[in-house]
Amino acid sequence: MTMEMRELVDSARHGDQEAFEALVRAGSGRLYAIAYRILRDADLANDALQEALVKIWDDLPMLRDPDRYDPWTYRIICRTCYRVAKHERRRSMVTIIERRAAGPSDLESAVADQDEMERGFRKLSTDHRSVLVLHYYLGLTIGEVADVLRIAPGTVGSRLHYAIRSLRASLESDARSTEAMERSR
């Protein structure tokens, strides 16, 4: 963390709203990206970001080490995403996305592949999506992910393993069902 960021965090910890606004400008894009990748919905990610920013402001005076600001905010956004996802699961219905039957061009094929990944990612639990996002999107080590989520490194490794395995199984299942649909025509 740079000296300037450390000073902003320290000032914001002591109630400086302008310093906090600067921190929000510097980090809200990254926090939104984490929320979006976990929740897979722009509106839910915005809701989670807003809720997390309020929590960060409220709890900032309790942050003892300004150098821990980034991992601390990652933990808050992940926990907020868990709450939002749990609430959303209660009121949403599962939707099924069908692929187009026409022969895809390269662009259509790329979009279809992205859709398959999206469907597979949505089937993962919030815990699994969180470790994937923190490890692969943010590039955090397993130890850093464990620190952010406050779980054991072995648990992170296990969640990564099962998340990848589940994602792979989902993609293979989609491919088999698509092949079966094409054969039945």
Protein backbone atom coordinates (compact mmCIF):
# COMPACT_ATOMS: atom_id res chain seq x y z
CA MET A 1 0.00 0.00 0.00
CA THR A 2 1.34 3.43 -0.88
CA MET A 3 1.97 6.07 1.75
CA GLU A 4 -0.79 8.23 0.23
CA MET A 5 -3.35 5.39 0.51
CA ARG A 6 -2.23 4.64 4.06
CA GLU A 7 -2.77 8.30 4.97
CA LEU A 8 -6.22 8.31 3.32
CA VAL A 9 -7.22 5.22 5.27
CA ASP A 10 -5.93 6.70 8.51
CA SER A 11 -7.75 10.00 7.88
CA ALA A 12 -10.98 8.19 6.98
CA ARG A 13 -10.65 6.07 10.14
CA HIS A 14 -10.76 9.32 12.09
CA GLY A 15 -13.94 10.55 10.37
CA ASP A 16 -12.59 12.47 7.34
CA GLN A 17 -15.38 12.07 4.77
CA GLU A 18 -13.30 13.50 1.92
CA ALA A 19 -10.60 10.90 2.57
CA PHE A 20 -13.26 8.19 2.55
CA GLU A 21 -14.67 9.53 -0.73
CA ALA A 22 -11.18 9.30 -2.22
CA LEU A 23 -10.91 5.70 -1.01
CA VAL A 24 -14.30 4.93 -2.54
CA ARG A 25 -13.26 6.48 -5.87
CA ALA A 26 -10.04 4.45 -5.82
CA GLY A 27 -11.55 1.10 -4.82
CA SER A 28 -15.25 0.94 -5.64
CA GLY A 29 -14.63 -0.32 -9.19
CA ARG A 30 -12.66 -3.29 -7.87
CA LEU A 31 -15.26 -4.00 -5.17
CA TYR A 32 -18.07 -3.82 -7.74
CA ALA A 33 -16.17 -6.21 -10.01
CA ILE A 34 -15.83 -8.69 -7.15
CA ALA A 35 -19.53 -8.38 -6.31
CA TYR A 36 -20.57 -8.78 -9.95
CA ARG A 37 -18.41 -11.84 -10.44
CA ILE A 38 -19.83 -13.44 -7.31
CA LEU A 39 -23.49 -12.47 -7.79
CA ARG A 40 -23.56 -12.50 -11.63
CA ASP A 41 -26.13 -9.69 -11.73
CA ALA A 42 -25.42 -5.96 -12.15
CA ASP A 43 -28.30 -4.77 -9.97
CA LEU A 44 -27.47 -7.18 -7.16
CA ALA A 45 -23.79 -6.20 -7.42
CA ASN A 46 -24.73 -2.52 -7.10
CA ASP A 47 -26.88 -3.29 -4.07
CA ALA A 48 -24.06 -5.28 -2.49
CA LEU A 49 -21.55 -2.51 -3.22
CA GLN A 50 -23.73 0.14 -1.62
CA GLU A 51 -24.37 -2.00 1.44
CA ALA A 52 -20.65 -2.84 1.72
CA LEU A 53 -19.59 0.81 1.45
CA VAL A 54 -21.94 1.74 4.30
CA LYS A 55 -20.51 -1.13 6.37
CA ILE A 56 -16.95 -0.06 5.54
CA TRP A 57 -17.66 3.52 6.63
CA ASP A 58 -19.36 2.39 9.83
CA ASP A 59 -16.62 -0.08 10.79
CA LEU A 60 -13.59 1.86 9.54
CA PRO A 61 -12.75 3.34 12.97
CA MET A 62 -12.24 -0.22 14.24
CA LEU A 63 -9.66 -1.11 11.56
CA ARG A 64 -6.39 -1.27 13.49
CA ASP A 65 -3.91 -1.62 10.63
CA PRO A 66 -4.35 0.68 7.59
CA ASP A 67 -2.21 -1.74 5.56
CA ARG A 68 -4.98 -4.35 5.96
CA TYR A 69 -7.58 -2.06 4.35
CA ASP A 70 -7.82 -3.87 0.98
CA PRO A 71 -8.19 -7.43 2.37
CA TRP A 72 -10.61 -6.07 4.96
CA THR A 73 -12.79 -4.49 2.25
CA TYR A 74 -12.66 -7.72 0.21
CA ARG A 75 -13.94 -9.61 3.25
CA ILE A 76 -16.79 -7.13 3.69
CA ILE A 77 -17.85 -7.26 0.02
CA CYS A 78 -17.76 -11.07 0.06
CA ARG A 79 -19.87 -11.28 3.21
CA THR A 80 -22.29 -8.74 1.78
CA CYS A 81 -22.55 -10.81 -1.41
CA TYR A 82 -23.36 -13.87 0.72
CA ARG A 83 -26.22 -11.97 2.37
CA VAL A 84 -27.52 -10.58 -0.92
CA ALA A 85 -27.31 -13.98 -2.63
CA LYS A 86 -29.11 -15.68 0.25
CA HIS A 87 -31.87 -13.08 0.12
CA GLU A 88 -32.12 -13.29 -3.67
CA ARG A 89 -32.25 -17.10 -3.63
CA ARG A 90 -35.33 -16.91 -1.46
CA ARG A 91 -37.27 -14.78 -3.91
CA SER A 92 -35.97 -15.77 -7.34
CA MET A 93 -36.98 -18.55 -9.65
CA VAL A 94 -34.59 -20.63 -11.68
CA THR A 95 -34.55 -19.70 -15.35
CA ILE A 96 -33.40 -21.91 -18.16
CA ILE A 97 -31.50 -20.36 -21.00
CA GLU A 98 -31.78 -22.16 -24.30
CA ARG A 99 -29.17 -22.04 -27.00
CA ARG A 100 -30.08 -21.03 -30.48
CA ALA A 101 -30.61 -23.94 -32.83
CA ALA A 102 -29.04 -22.26 -35.84
CA GLY A 103 -25.44 -23.05 -36.75
CA PRO A 104 -23.30 -20.52 -34.90
CA SER A 105 -20.73 -18.25 -36.54
CA ASP A 106 -17.44 -17.60 -34.73
CA LEU A 107 -18.96 -14.66 -32.86
CA GLU A 108 -22.08 -16.62 -32.03
CA SER A 109 -19.92 -19.54 -30.92
CA ALA A 110 -17.92 -17.27 -28.61
CA VAL A 111 -21.13 -15.85 -27.15
CA ALA A 112 -22.52 -19.37 -26.72
CA ASP A 113 -19.32 -20.44 -24.93
CA GLN A 114 -19.54 -17.43 -22.66
CA ASP A 115 -23.20 -18.25 -21.97
CA GLU A 116 -22.24 -21.81 -21.04
CA MET A 117 -19.60 -20.53 -18.62
CA GLU A 118 -22.09 -18.06 -17.17
CA ARG A 119 -24.69 -20.78 -16.60
CA GLY A 120 -22.08 -23.03 -15.03
CA PHE A 121 -20.83 -20.24 -12.79
CA ARG A 122 -24.36 -19.40 -11.64
CA LYS A 123 -24.86 -23.02 -10.55
CA LEU A 124 -21.95 -22.75 -8.10
CA SER A 125 -22.55 -21.84 -4.49
CA THR A 126 -21.63 -18.36 -3.32
CA ASP A 127 -18.74 -19.86 -1.33
CA HIS A 128 -17.33 -21.49 -4.46
CA ARG A 129 -17.80 -18.38 -6.60
CA SER A 130 -16.09 -16.27 -3.93
CA VAL A 131 -12.92 -18.34 -3.83
CA LEU A 132 -12.78 -18.49 -7.63
CA VAL A 133 -13.16 -14.71 -7.93
CA LEU A 134 -10.64 -13.90 -5.21
CA HIS A 135 -8.08 -16.42 -6.47
CA TYR A 136 -8.41 -16.16 -10.24
CA TYR A 137 -9.82 -12.67 -10.78
CA LEU A 138 -7.92 -10.78 -8.06
CA GLY A 139 -4.93 -13.11 -8.23
CA LEU A 140 -4.79 -13.63 -4.47
CA THR A 141 -2.83 -16.60 -3.19
CA ILE A 142 -4.65 -19.36 -1.33
CA GLY A 143 -3.28 -17.95 1.92
CA GLU A 144 -4.52 -14.46 1.08
CA VAL A 145 -7.96 -15.81 0.14
CA ALA A 146 -8.03 -17.67 3.45
CA ASP A 147 -7.16 -14.46 5.26
CA VAL A 148 -9.84 -12.44 3.44
CA LEU A 149 -12.58 -15.01 4.06
CA ARG A 150 -11.24 -15.98 7.50
CA ILE A 151 -11.18 -19.67 6.70
CA ALA A 152 -8.37 -22.21 6.72
CA PRO A 153 -6.10 -22.39 3.63
CA GLY A 154 -7.08 -26.05 3.28
CA THR A 155 -10.72 -25.02 3.08
CA VAL A 156 -9.85 -22.55 0.31
CA GLY A 157 -8.03 -25.28 -1.59
CA SER A 158 -10.94 -27.64 -1.13
CA ARG A 159 -13.48 -25.04 -2.27
CA LEU A 160 -11.35 -24.23 -5.32
CA HIS A 161 -11.09 -27.92 -6.18
CA TYR A 162 -14.83 -28.55 -5.83
CA ALA A 163 -15.73 -25.31 -7.62
CA ILE A 164 -13.61 -26.22 -10.63
CA ARG A 165 -14.90 -29.79 -10.58
CA SER A 166 -18.53 -28.59 -10.39
CA LEU A 167 -17.99 -26.03 -13.14
CA ARG A 168 -16.42 -28.67 -15.37
CA ALA A 169 -19.26 -31.13 -14.69
CA SER A 170 -21.84 -28.46 -15.46
CA LEU A 171 -20.17 -27.60 -18.77
CA GLU A 172 -19.90 -31.27 -19.74
CA SER A 173 -23.55 -31.83 -18.85
CA ASP A 174 -24.62 -28.85 -20.97
CA ALA A 175 -22.54 -30.15 -23.86
CA ARG A 176 -24.10 -33.63 -23.61
CA SER A 177 -27.65 -32.23 -23.52
CA THR A 178 -26.92 -29.97 -26.50
CA GLU A 179 -25.56 -32.94 -28.46
CA ALA A 180 -28.63 -35.00 -27.55
CA MET A 181 -30.94 -32.19 -28.71
CA GLU A 182 -29.08 -31.92 -32.02
CA ARG A 183 -29.22 -35.69 -32.60
CA SER A 184 -32.98 -35.76 -31.99
CA ARG A 185 -33.63 -33.31 -34.81
